C-alpha atoms as a PDB file:
ATOM      1  CA  MET A   1      45.358 -56.456 -18.663  1.00  0.00           C
ATOM      2  CA  SER A   2      42.024 -54.743 -18.234  1.00  0.00           C
ATOM      3  CA  VAL A   3      38.907 -56.785 -18.937  1.00  0.00           C
ATOM      4  CA  THR A   4      36.911 -53.635 -19.580  1.00  0.00           C
ATOM      5  CA  ASN A   5      39.219 -52.173 -22.225  1.00  0.00           C
ATOM      6  CA  PRO A   6      37.060 -51.901 -25.367  1.00  0.00           C
ATOM      7  CA  GLY A   7      40.170 -52.205 -27.521  1.00  0.00           C
ATOM      8  CA  GLU A   8      41.141 -55.517 -25.939  1.00  0.00           C
ATOM      9  CA  PRO A   9      41.150 -58.403 -28.438  1.00  0.00           C
ATOM     10  CA  LEU A  10      38.956 -61.407 -27.807  1.00  0.00           C
ATOM     11  CA  MET A  11      42.096 -63.542 -27.553  1.00  0.00           C
ATOM     12  CA  ARG A  12      45.758 -62.621 -27.330  1.00  0.00           C
ATOM     13  CA  VAL A  13      48.607 -65.070 -27.728  1.00  0.00           C
ATOM     14  CA  ASP A  14      51.727 -63.636 -26.086  1.00  0.00           C
ATOM     15  CA  GLY A  15      55.218 -65.057 -26.511  1.00  0.00           C
ATOM     16  CA  ILE A  16      54.237 -68.691 -27.079  1.00  0.00           C
ATOM     17  CA  TYR A  17      56.987 -71.306 -27.368  1.00  0.00           C
ATOM     18  CA  LYS A  18      56.414 -74.977 -28.189  1.00  0.00           C
ATOM     19  CA  SER A  19      58.948 -77.705 -28.915  1.00  0.00           C
ATOM     20  CA  PHE A  20      58.758 -81.422 -29.532  1.00  0.00           C
ATOM     21  CA  GLY A  21      62.054 -82.898 -28.430  1.00  0.00           C
ATOM     22  CA  ALA A  22      64.779 -81.175 -30.431  1.00  0.00           C
ATOM     23  CA  VAL A  23      62.272 -79.632 -32.851  1.00  0.00           C
ATOM     24  CA  GLN A  24      61.329 -76.032 -32.009  1.00  0.00           C
ATOM     25  CA  ALA A  25      57.838 -75.697 -33.508  1.00  0.00           C
ATOM     26  CA  LEU A  26      56.941 -72.209 -32.194  1.00  0.00           C
ATOM     27  CA  THR A  27      59.280 -69.422 -31.065  1.00  0.00           C
ATOM     28  CA  ASP A  28      58.008 -66.319 -29.266  1.00  0.00           C
ATOM     29  CA  VAL A  29      54.721 -66.195 -31.202  1.00  0.00           C
ATOM     30  CA  ASP A  30      52.301 -63.295 -30.686  1.00  0.00           C
ATOM     31  CA  LEU A  31      48.807 -63.067 -32.183  1.00  0.00           C
ATOM     32  CA  ASP A  32      45.779 -60.840 -31.581  1.00  0.00           C
ATOM     33  CA  VAL A  33      42.323 -62.151 -32.510  1.00  0.00           C
ATOM     34  CA  PRO A  34      39.562 -59.517 -32.338  1.00  0.00           C
ATOM     35  CA  ALA A  35      35.885 -60.345 -32.002  1.00  0.00           C
ATOM     36  CA  GLY A  36      33.756 -59.719 -35.087  1.00  0.00           C
ATOM     37  CA  GLN A  37      36.698 -60.110 -37.459  1.00  0.00           C
ATOM     38  CA  VAL A  38      38.222 -62.863 -39.576  1.00  0.00           C
ATOM     39  CA  THR A  39      41.915 -63.455 -38.935  1.00  0.00           C
ATOM     40  CA  ALA A  40      43.668 -65.467 -41.658  1.00  0.00           C
ATOM     41  CA  LEU A  41      46.642 -67.498 -40.455  1.00  0.00           C
ATOM     42  CA  CYS A  42      49.017 -68.151 -43.343  1.00  0.00           C
ATOM     43  CA  GLY A  43      52.296 -69.972 -43.678  1.00  0.00           C
ATOM     44  CA  ASP A  44      54.043 -72.660 -45.678  1.00  0.00           C
ATOM     45  CA  ASN A  45      53.956 -76.317 -44.683  1.00  0.00           C
ATOM     46  CA  GLY A  46      55.813 -76.730 -41.401  1.00  0.00           C
ATOM     47  CA  ALA A  47      55.495 -73.053 -40.478  1.00  0.00           C
ATOM     48  CA  GLY A  48      53.748 -73.901 -37.202  1.00  0.00           C
ATOM     49  CA  LYS A  49      50.130 -73.053 -38.038  1.00  0.00           C
ATOM     50  CA  SER A  50      48.671 -76.346 -36.814  1.00  0.00           C
ATOM     51  CA  VAL A  51      50.804 -76.335 -33.658  1.00  0.00           C
ATOM     52  CA  LEU A  52      49.689 -72.806 -32.783  1.00  0.00           C
ATOM     53  CA  ILE A  53      46.035 -73.661 -33.345  1.00  0.00           C
ATOM     54  CA  LYS A  54      46.352 -76.812 -31.254  1.00  0.00           C
ATOM     55  CA  CYS A  55      47.832 -74.744 -28.408  1.00  0.00           C
ATOM     56  CA  VAL A  56      44.733 -72.525 -28.530  1.00  0.00           C
ATOM     57  CA  ALA A  57      42.378 -75.496 -28.908  1.00  0.00           C
ATOM     58  CA  GLY A  58      43.840 -77.406 -25.983  1.00  0.00           C
ATOM     59  CA  ALA A  59      45.493 -80.232 -27.915  1.00  0.00           C
ATOM     60  CA  HIS A  60      48.976 -78.976 -26.913  1.00  0.00           C
ATOM     61  CA  GLU A  61      50.100 -76.967 -23.901  1.00  0.00           C
ATOM     62  CA  PRO A  62      52.661 -74.259 -24.692  1.00  0.00           C
ATOM     63  CA  ASP A  63      56.081 -74.625 -23.068  1.00  0.00           C
ATOM     64  CA  HIS A  64      56.289 -70.877 -22.370  1.00  0.00           C
ATOM     65  CA  GLY A  65      54.153 -67.810 -22.960  1.00  0.00           C
ATOM     66  CA  GLN A  66      50.619 -66.833 -22.092  1.00  0.00           C
ATOM     67  CA  ILE A  67      47.182 -66.886 -23.685  1.00  0.00           C
ATOM     68  CA  TYR A  68      44.788 -64.117 -22.685  1.00  0.00           C
ATOM     69  CA  TRP A  69      41.027 -64.428 -23.101  1.00  0.00           C
ATOM     70  CA  ARG A  70      39.148 -61.132 -22.983  1.00  0.00           C
ATOM     71  CA  GLY A  71      42.169 -59.618 -21.254  1.00  0.00           C
ATOM     72  CA  ARG A  72      42.503 -62.296 -18.578  1.00  0.00           C
ATOM     73  CA  PRO A  73      45.296 -64.889 -18.496  1.00  0.00           C
ATOM     74  CA  VAL A  74      43.987 -68.416 -19.026  1.00  0.00           C
ATOM     75  CA  ARG A  75      45.472 -71.891 -19.108  1.00  0.00           C
ATOM     76  CA  ILE A  76      44.059 -74.162 -21.804  1.00  0.00           C
ATOM     77  CA  ARG A  77      45.074 -77.702 -20.907  1.00  0.00           C
ATOM     78  CA  ASN A  78      42.592 -79.647 -23.030  1.00  0.00           C
ATOM     79  CA  ALA A  79      39.677 -79.297 -25.442  1.00  0.00           C
ATOM     80  CA  HIS A  80      37.228 -79.035 -22.537  1.00  0.00           C
ATOM     81  CA  ASP A  81      39.022 -75.930 -21.234  1.00  0.00           C
ATOM     82  CA  ALA A  82      38.861 -74.389 -24.699  1.00  0.00           C
ATOM     83  CA  SER A  83      35.163 -75.144 -25.095  1.00  0.00           C
ATOM     84  CA  ALA A  84      34.413 -73.738 -21.644  1.00  0.00           C
ATOM     85  CA  LEU A  85      35.914 -70.424 -22.768  1.00  0.00           C
ATOM     86  CA  GLY A  86      33.973 -70.460 -26.036  1.00  0.00           C
ATOM     87  CA  ILE A  87      36.710 -71.697 -28.402  1.00  0.00           C
ATOM     88  CA  GLU A  88      35.667 -74.308 -30.950  1.00  0.00           C
ATOM     89  CA  THR A  89      37.855 -75.782 -33.697  1.00  0.00           C
ATOM     90  CA  VAL A  90      36.673 -77.273 -36.988  1.00  0.00           C
ATOM     91  CA  TYR A  91      39.527 -79.462 -38.209  1.00  0.00           C
ATOM     92  CA  GLN A  92      40.027 -80.430 -41.821  1.00  0.00           C
ATOM     93  CA  ASP A  93      38.600 -83.932 -41.288  1.00  0.00           C
ATOM     94  CA  LEU A  94      35.421 -82.287 -39.817  1.00  0.00           C
ATOM     95  CA  ALA A  95      34.942 -85.172 -37.327  1.00  0.00           C
ATOM     96  CA  LEU A  96      31.442 -85.975 -38.596  1.00  0.00           C
ATOM     97  CA  ALA A  97      29.782 -89.397 -38.558  1.00  0.00           C
ATOM     98  CA  ASP A  98      28.554 -90.166 -42.076  1.00  0.00           C
ATOM     99  CA  ASN A  99      26.012 -92.745 -40.888  1.00  0.00           C
ATOM    100  CA  LEU A 100      24.237 -90.253 -38.603  1.00  0.00           C
ATOM    101  CA  ASP A 101      21.923 -87.458 -39.687  1.00  0.00           C
ATOM    102  CA  ILE A 102      22.575 -83.743 -39.230  1.00  0.00           C
ATOM    103  CA  VAL A 103      20.783 -83.448 -35.888  1.00  0.00           C
ATOM    104  CA  GLN A 104      22.510 -86.519 -34.471  1.00  0.00           C
ATOM    105  CA  ASN A 105      25.905 -85.157 -35.536  1.00  0.00           C
ATOM    106  CA  MET A 106      25.291 -81.719 -34.064  1.00  0.00           C
ATOM    107  CA  PHE A 107      24.358 -83.211 -30.680  1.00  0.00           C
ATOM    108  CA  LEU A 108      26.748 -86.168 -30.688  1.00  0.00           C
ATOM    109  CA  GLY A 109      27.982 -86.575 -27.118  1.00  0.00           C
ATOM    110  CA  ARG A 110      25.766 -83.700 -25.942  1.00  0.00           C
ATOM    111  CA  GLU A 111      22.335 -85.198 -26.461  1.00  0.00           C
ATOM    112  CA  ARG A 112      19.388 -83.530 -24.741  1.00  0.00           C
ATOM    113  CA  LEU A 113      17.157 -85.693 -22.593  1.00  0.00           C
ATOM    114  CA  ARG A 114      13.596 -85.337 -21.381  1.00  0.00           C
ATOM    115  CA  HIS A 115      12.262 -87.851 -18.864  1.00  0.00           C
ATOM    116  CA  ARG A 116      15.398 -89.925 -19.537  1.00  0.00           C
ATOM    117  CA  LEU A 117      14.576 -90.141 -23.252  1.00  0.00           C
ATOM    118  CA  LEU A 118      16.135 -88.282 -26.151  1.00  0.00           C
ATOM    119  CA  ASP A 119      14.336 -84.991 -26.669  1.00  0.00           C
ATOM    120  CA  GLU A 120      14.212 -85.267 -30.459  1.00  0.00           C
ATOM    121  CA  ASP A 121      11.883 -82.291 -30.935  1.00  0.00           C
ATOM    122  CA  GLU A 122      14.077 -79.920 -28.922  1.00  0.00           C
ATOM    123  CA  MET A 123      17.246 -81.095 -30.673  1.00  0.00           C
ATOM    124  CA  GLU A 124      15.638 -80.711 -34.099  1.00  0.00           C
ATOM    125  CA  LYS A 125      14.495 -77.188 -33.252  1.00  0.00           C
ATOM    126  CA  ALA A 126      17.894 -76.148 -31.916  1.00  0.00           C
ATOM    127  CA  ALA A 127      19.679 -77.612 -34.948  1.00  0.00           C
ATOM    128  CA  ALA A 128      17.283 -75.919 -37.381  1.00  0.00           C
ATOM    129  CA  ASP A 129      17.577 -72.575 -35.559  1.00  0.00           C
ATOM    130  CA  THR A 130      21.370 -72.724 -35.597  1.00  0.00           C
ATOM    131  CA  LEU A 131      21.510 -73.518 -39.315  1.00  0.00           C
ATOM    132  CA  ALA A 132      19.000 -70.764 -40.046  1.00  0.00           C
ATOM    133  CA  GLY A 133      21.014 -68.296 -37.967  1.00  0.00           C
ATOM    134  CA  LEU A 134      24.050 -69.091 -40.121  1.00  0.00           C
ATOM    135  CA  ARG A 135      21.879 -68.718 -43.237  1.00  0.00           C
ATOM    136  CA  VAL A 136      22.531 -72.300 -44.294  1.00  0.00           C
ATOM    137  CA  THR A 137      19.706 -72.892 -46.762  1.00  0.00           C
ATOM    138  CA  THR A 138      21.043 -75.611 -49.051  1.00  0.00           C
ATOM    139  CA  VAL A 139      20.349 -78.565 -46.747  1.00  0.00           C
ATOM    140  CA  ARG A 140      17.245 -80.441 -47.861  1.00  0.00           C
ATOM    141  CA  SER A 141      16.406 -81.894 -44.432  1.00  0.00           C
ATOM    142  CA  ILE A 142      18.077 -81.791 -41.020  1.00  0.00           C
ATOM    143  CA  ARG A 143      17.366 -85.522 -40.857  1.00  0.00           C
ATOM    144  CA  GLN A 144      19.472 -86.086 -43.963  1.00  0.00           C
ATOM    145  CA  PRO A 145      22.448 -88.442 -43.402  1.00  0.00           C
ATOM    146  CA  VAL A 146      25.690 -86.459 -43.346  1.00  0.00           C
ATOM    147  CA  GLY A 147      27.209 -88.992 -45.754  1.00  0.00           C
ATOM    148  CA  SER A 148      24.828 -87.750 -48.465  1.00  0.00           C
ATOM    149  CA  LEU A 149      25.892 -84.088 -48.179  1.00  0.00           C
ATOM    150  CA  SER A 150      28.247 -82.153 -50.445  1.00  0.00           C
ATOM    151  CA  GLY A 151      31.590 -80.916 -49.161  1.00  0.00           C
ATOM    152  CA  GLY A 152      30.267 -77.411 -48.597  1.00  0.00           C
ATOM    153  CA  GLN A 153      27.201 -78.695 -46.770  1.00  0.00           C
ATOM    154  CA  ARG A 154      29.361 -80.913 -44.548  1.00  0.00           C
ATOM    155  CA  GLN A 155      31.529 -77.913 -43.666  1.00  0.00           C
ATOM    156  CA  SER A 156      28.362 -75.972 -42.807  1.00  0.00           C
ATOM    157  CA  VAL A 157      27.172 -78.732 -40.474  1.00  0.00           C
ATOM    158  CA  ALA A 158      30.576 -78.923 -38.770  1.00  0.00           C
ATOM    159  CA  VAL A 159      30.562 -75.155 -38.182  1.00  0.00           C
ATOM    160  CA  ALA A 160      26.949 -75.194 -36.978  1.00  0.00           C
ATOM    161  CA  LYS A 161      27.892 -77.956 -34.540  1.00  0.00           C
ATOM    162  CA  ALA A 162      30.739 -75.770 -33.261  1.00  0.00           C
ATOM    163  CA  VAL A 163      28.676 -72.603 -32.766  1.00  0.00           C
ATOM    164  CA  MET A 164      25.742 -74.284 -31.019  1.00  0.00           C
ATOM    165  CA  TRP A 165      27.528 -74.248 -27.686  1.00  0.00           C
ATOM    166  CA  ASN A 166      27.897 -70.505 -27.044  1.00  0.00           C
ATOM    167  CA  SER A 167      31.170 -70.317 -28.931  1.00  0.00           C
ATOM    168  CA  GLN A 168      32.855 -66.941 -29.289  1.00  0.00           C
ATOM    169  CA  LEU A 169      35.865 -67.982 -31.366  1.00  0.00           C
ATOM    170  CA  VAL A 170      35.668 -70.451 -34.252  1.00  0.00           C
ATOM    171  CA  ILE A 171      38.887 -71.824 -35.731  1.00  0.00           C
ATOM    172  CA  MET A 172      38.666 -73.348 -39.206  1.00  0.00           C
ATOM    173  CA  ASP A 173      41.500 -75.424 -40.640  1.00  0.00           C
ATOM    174  CA  GLU A 174      41.629 -75.275 -44.470  1.00  0.00           C
ATOM    175  CA  PRO A 175      37.817 -75.006 -44.728  1.00  0.00           C
ATOM    176  CA  THR A 176      37.733 -74.817 -48.545  1.00  0.00           C
ATOM    177  CA  ALA A 177      40.278 -77.545 -49.295  1.00  0.00           C
ATOM    178  CA  ALA A 178      39.120 -79.846 -52.123  1.00  0.00           C
ATOM    179  CA  LEU A 179      35.883 -77.908 -52.636  1.00  0.00           C
ATOM    180  CA  GLY A 180      34.535 -76.733 -55.990  1.00  0.00           C
ATOM    181  CA  VAL A 181      33.819 -73.115 -56.843  1.00  0.00           C
ATOM    182  CA  THR A 182      30.167 -73.134 -55.731  1.00  0.00           C
ATOM    183  CA  GLN A 183      30.856 -75.008 -52.492  1.00  0.00           C
ATOM    184  CA  THR A 184      33.817 -72.748 -51.728  1.00  0.00           C
ATOM    185  CA  GLU A 185      31.646 -69.649 -52.039  1.00  0.00           C
ATOM    186  CA  MET A 186      29.099 -71.283 -49.711  1.00  0.00           C
ATOM    187  CA  VAL A 187      31.784 -71.771 -47.057  1.00  0.00           C
ATOM    188  CA  LEU A 188      33.191 -68.250 -47.509  1.00  0.00           C
ATOM    189  CA  GLU A 189      29.701 -66.827 -47.027  1.00  0.00           C
ATOM    190  CA  LEU A 190      29.368 -68.948 -43.896  1.00  0.00           C
ATOM    191  CA  ILE A 191      32.602 -67.416 -42.560  1.00  0.00           C
ATOM    192  CA  ARG A 192      31.246 -63.918 -43.269  1.00  0.00           C
ATOM    193  CA  ASN A 193      28.057 -64.811 -41.412  1.00  0.00           C
ATOM    194  CA  LEU A 194      30.068 -65.890 -38.347  1.00  0.00           C
ATOM    195  CA  ARG A 195      31.886 -62.562 -38.408  1.00  0.00           C
ATOM    196  CA  ASP A 196      28.617 -60.645 -38.824  1.00  0.00           C
ATOM    197  CA  GLN A 197      27.288 -62.360 -35.692  1.00  0.00           C
ATOM    198  CA  GLY A 198      30.215 -60.890 -33.751  1.00  0.00           C
ATOM    199  CA  LEU A 199      32.287 -64.055 -33.421  1.00  0.00           C
ATOM    200  CA  GLY A 200      36.029 -64.081 -33.762  1.00  0.00           C
ATOM    201  CA  VAL A 201      37.148 -66.353 -36.606  1.00  0.00           C
ATOM    202  CA  ILE A 202      40.583 -67.790 -37.361  1.00  0.00           C
ATOM    203  CA  VAL A 203      40.944 -69.325 -40.813  1.00  0.00           C
ATOM    204  CA  ILE A 204      43.995 -71.350 -41.800  1.00  0.00           C
ATOM    205  CA  SER A 205      44.290 -71.386 -45.571  1.00  0.00           C
ATOM    206  CA  HIS A 206      46.822 -71.831 -48.341  1.00  0.00           C
ATOM    207  CA  ASN A 207      44.356 -70.342 -50.833  1.00  0.00           C
ATOM    208  CA  LEU A 208      45.140 -66.635 -50.981  1.00  0.00           C
ATOM    209  CA  ASN A 209      42.059 -65.924 -53.107  1.00  0.00           C
ATOM    210  CA  ASP A 210      39.945 -67.188 -50.212  1.00  0.00           C
ATOM    211  CA  VAL A 211      42.081 -65.293 -47.685  1.00  0.00           C
ATOM    212  CA  PHE A 212      41.588 -61.967 -49.412  1.00  0.00           C
ATOM    213  CA  ALA A 213      37.883 -62.707 -49.964  1.00  0.00           C
ATOM    214  CA  VAL A 214      37.085 -62.908 -46.233  1.00  0.00           C
ATOM    215  CA  ALA A 215      40.012 -61.806 -44.046  1.00  0.00           C
ATOM    216  CA  ASP A 216      39.996 -58.599 -42.013  1.00  0.00           C
ATOM    217  CA  ARG A 217      43.459 -59.369 -40.644  1.00  0.00           C
ATOM    218  CA  ILE A 218      46.342 -61.496 -41.902  1.00  0.00           C
ATOM    219  CA  ALA A 219      49.077 -63.124 -39.812  1.00  0.00           C
ATOM    220  CA  VAL A 220      51.970 -65.037 -41.367  1.00  0.00           C
ATOM    221  CA  LEU A 221      54.116 -67.670 -39.692  1.00  0.00           C
ATOM    222  CA  HIS A 222      57.528 -68.654 -41.043  1.00  0.00           C
ATOM    223  CA  LEU A 223      59.588 -71.444 -39.488  1.00  0.00           C
ATOM    224  CA  GLY A 224      57.693 -71.182 -36.211  1.00  0.00           C
ATOM    225  CA  ARG A 225      57.906 -67.399 -35.875  1.00  0.00           C
ATOM    226  CA  MET A 226      55.209 -64.788 -36.447  1.00  0.00           C
ATOM    227  CA  VAL A 227      56.840 -62.576 -39.047  1.00  0.00           C
ATOM    228  CA  VAL A 228      53.979 -60.176 -39.729  1.00  0.00           C
ATOM    229  CA  GLU A 229      50.478 -59.418 -38.483  1.00  0.00           C
ATOM    230  CA  GLY A 230      48.207 -56.605 -39.654  1.00  0.00           C
ATOM    231  CA  VAL A 231      45.025 -55.491 -41.412  1.00  0.00           C
ATOM    232  CA  ALA A 232      44.357 -57.325 -44.672  1.00  0.00           C
ATOM    233  CA  SER A 233      44.152 -54.126 -46.685  1.00  0.00           C
ATOM    234  CA  SER A 234      47.857 -53.476 -46.026  1.00  0.00           C
ATOM    235  CA  PHE A 235      48.862 -56.653 -47.886  1.00  0.00           C
ATOM    236  CA  ASP A 236      48.711 -57.939 -51.424  1.00  0.00           C
ATOM    237  CA  ARG A 237      49.159 -61.514 -52.618  1.00  0.00           C
ATOM    238  CA  GLN A 238      52.805 -61.037 -53.529  1.00  0.00           C
ATOM    239  CA  SER A 239      53.710 -59.665 -50.108  1.00  0.00           C
ATOM    240  CA  VAL A 240      51.983 -62.561 -48.324  1.00  0.00           C
ATOM    241  CA  VAL A 241      53.802 -65.076 -50.528  1.00  0.00           C
ATOM    242  CA  GLU A 242      57.129 -63.391 -49.771  1.00  0.00           C
ATOM    243  CA  TYR A 243      56.499 -63.465 -46.027  1.00  0.00           C
ATOM    244  CA  MET A 244      55.430 -67.120 -46.245  1.00  0.00           C
ATOM    245  CA  THR A 245      58.436 -68.264 -48.242  1.00  0.00           C
ATOM    246  CA  THR A 246      61.264 -66.045 -46.935  1.00  0.00           C
ATOM    247  CA  GLY A 247      59.985 -64.615 -43.659  1.00  0.00           C
ATOM    248  CA  ARG A 248      60.448 -61.033 -44.817  1.00  0.00           C
ATOM    249  CA  LEU A 249      59.415 -58.577 -47.485  1.00  0.00           C
ATOM    250  CA  GLY A 250      61.893 -57.936 -50.293  1.00  0.00           C
ATOM    251  CA  MET A 251      63.160 -54.463 -51.064  1.00  0.00           C
ATOM    252  CA  ALA A 252      60.776 -54.263 -54.004  1.00  0.00           C
ATOM    253  CA  GLY A 253      57.802 -54.801 -51.723  1.00  0.00           C
ATOM    254  CA  THR A 254      55.596 -52.194 -50.122  1.00  0.00           C
ATOM    255  CA  THR A 255      57.063 -50.722 -46.943  1.00  0.00           C
ATOM    256  CA  THR A 256      53.718 -50.147 -45.228  1.00  0.00           C
ATOM    257  CA  MET A 257      52.917 -53.814 -44.627  1.00  0.00           C
ATOM    258  CA  GLY A 258      51.725 -54.648 -41.083  1.00  0.00           C
ATOM    259  CA  ASN A 259      54.664 -55.025 -38.753  1.00  0.00           C
ATOM    260  CA  GLY A 260      57.485 -57.054 -40.278  1.00  0.00           C
ATOM    261  CA  GLY A 261      59.244 -57.565 -36.961  1.00  0.00           C
ATOM    262  CA  GLY A 262      56.631 -59.991 -35.755  1.00  0.00           C
ATOM    263  CA  GLY A 263      54.933 -57.500 -33.439  1.00  0.00           C
ATOM    264  CA  ARG A 264      51.335 -56.424 -33.577  1.00  0.00           C
ATOM    265  CA  ALA A 265      49.968 -53.867 -36.004  1.00  0.00           C
END
């Protein structure tokens, strides 16, 4: 695949298979993830969403298939390989330390040193610049303990931590789960800001209101297979629910939806 092709997606998942013993978790899964767009990954519980994301993030290695990054085949064996490419994942538990402040969390394990001492000023500046670039304005102080933040603010810190390291693709697992209306809107605006900065974004969500509020593309998994993938404007809520629950669109549904055979639209 050509690296210089302007139509090339940021990441392409091609024919991925993954099993755990006798359980076939993913079967021949394809997915295109463009830069500067939000791709919503939908599916019922057990559809394979988390397994697919973990294959991209380096937590699992696919049994078969290929991942392409900017048109080039890559092997992602662990989280370090993913980070080196520019792939960062924000899991539902956020992996933040409540007893540390925002700056300490954002640099945890990647602290900057100057003359063998922590360079607090440089880390504070970088943290503040990253939050400002994402238009995160609700945090009172970057030295505020993370344990004192709201759910939306915590999500913002976790995303800021992910994008500090030259990330090009941010994966967010159920980013609005258990959040109130105001905090949910804060996180959705954060996702839009990532897209506006030209990053590719994958959002896993069961909340179709949130999906249609931010997604440019929608992909639906059913029982480990990608049953449809296409631009968000070609779907409605009913069609997504049908794909999620049955793996196909009923005769009463619109016939112009994405590509129901699991191929790319």
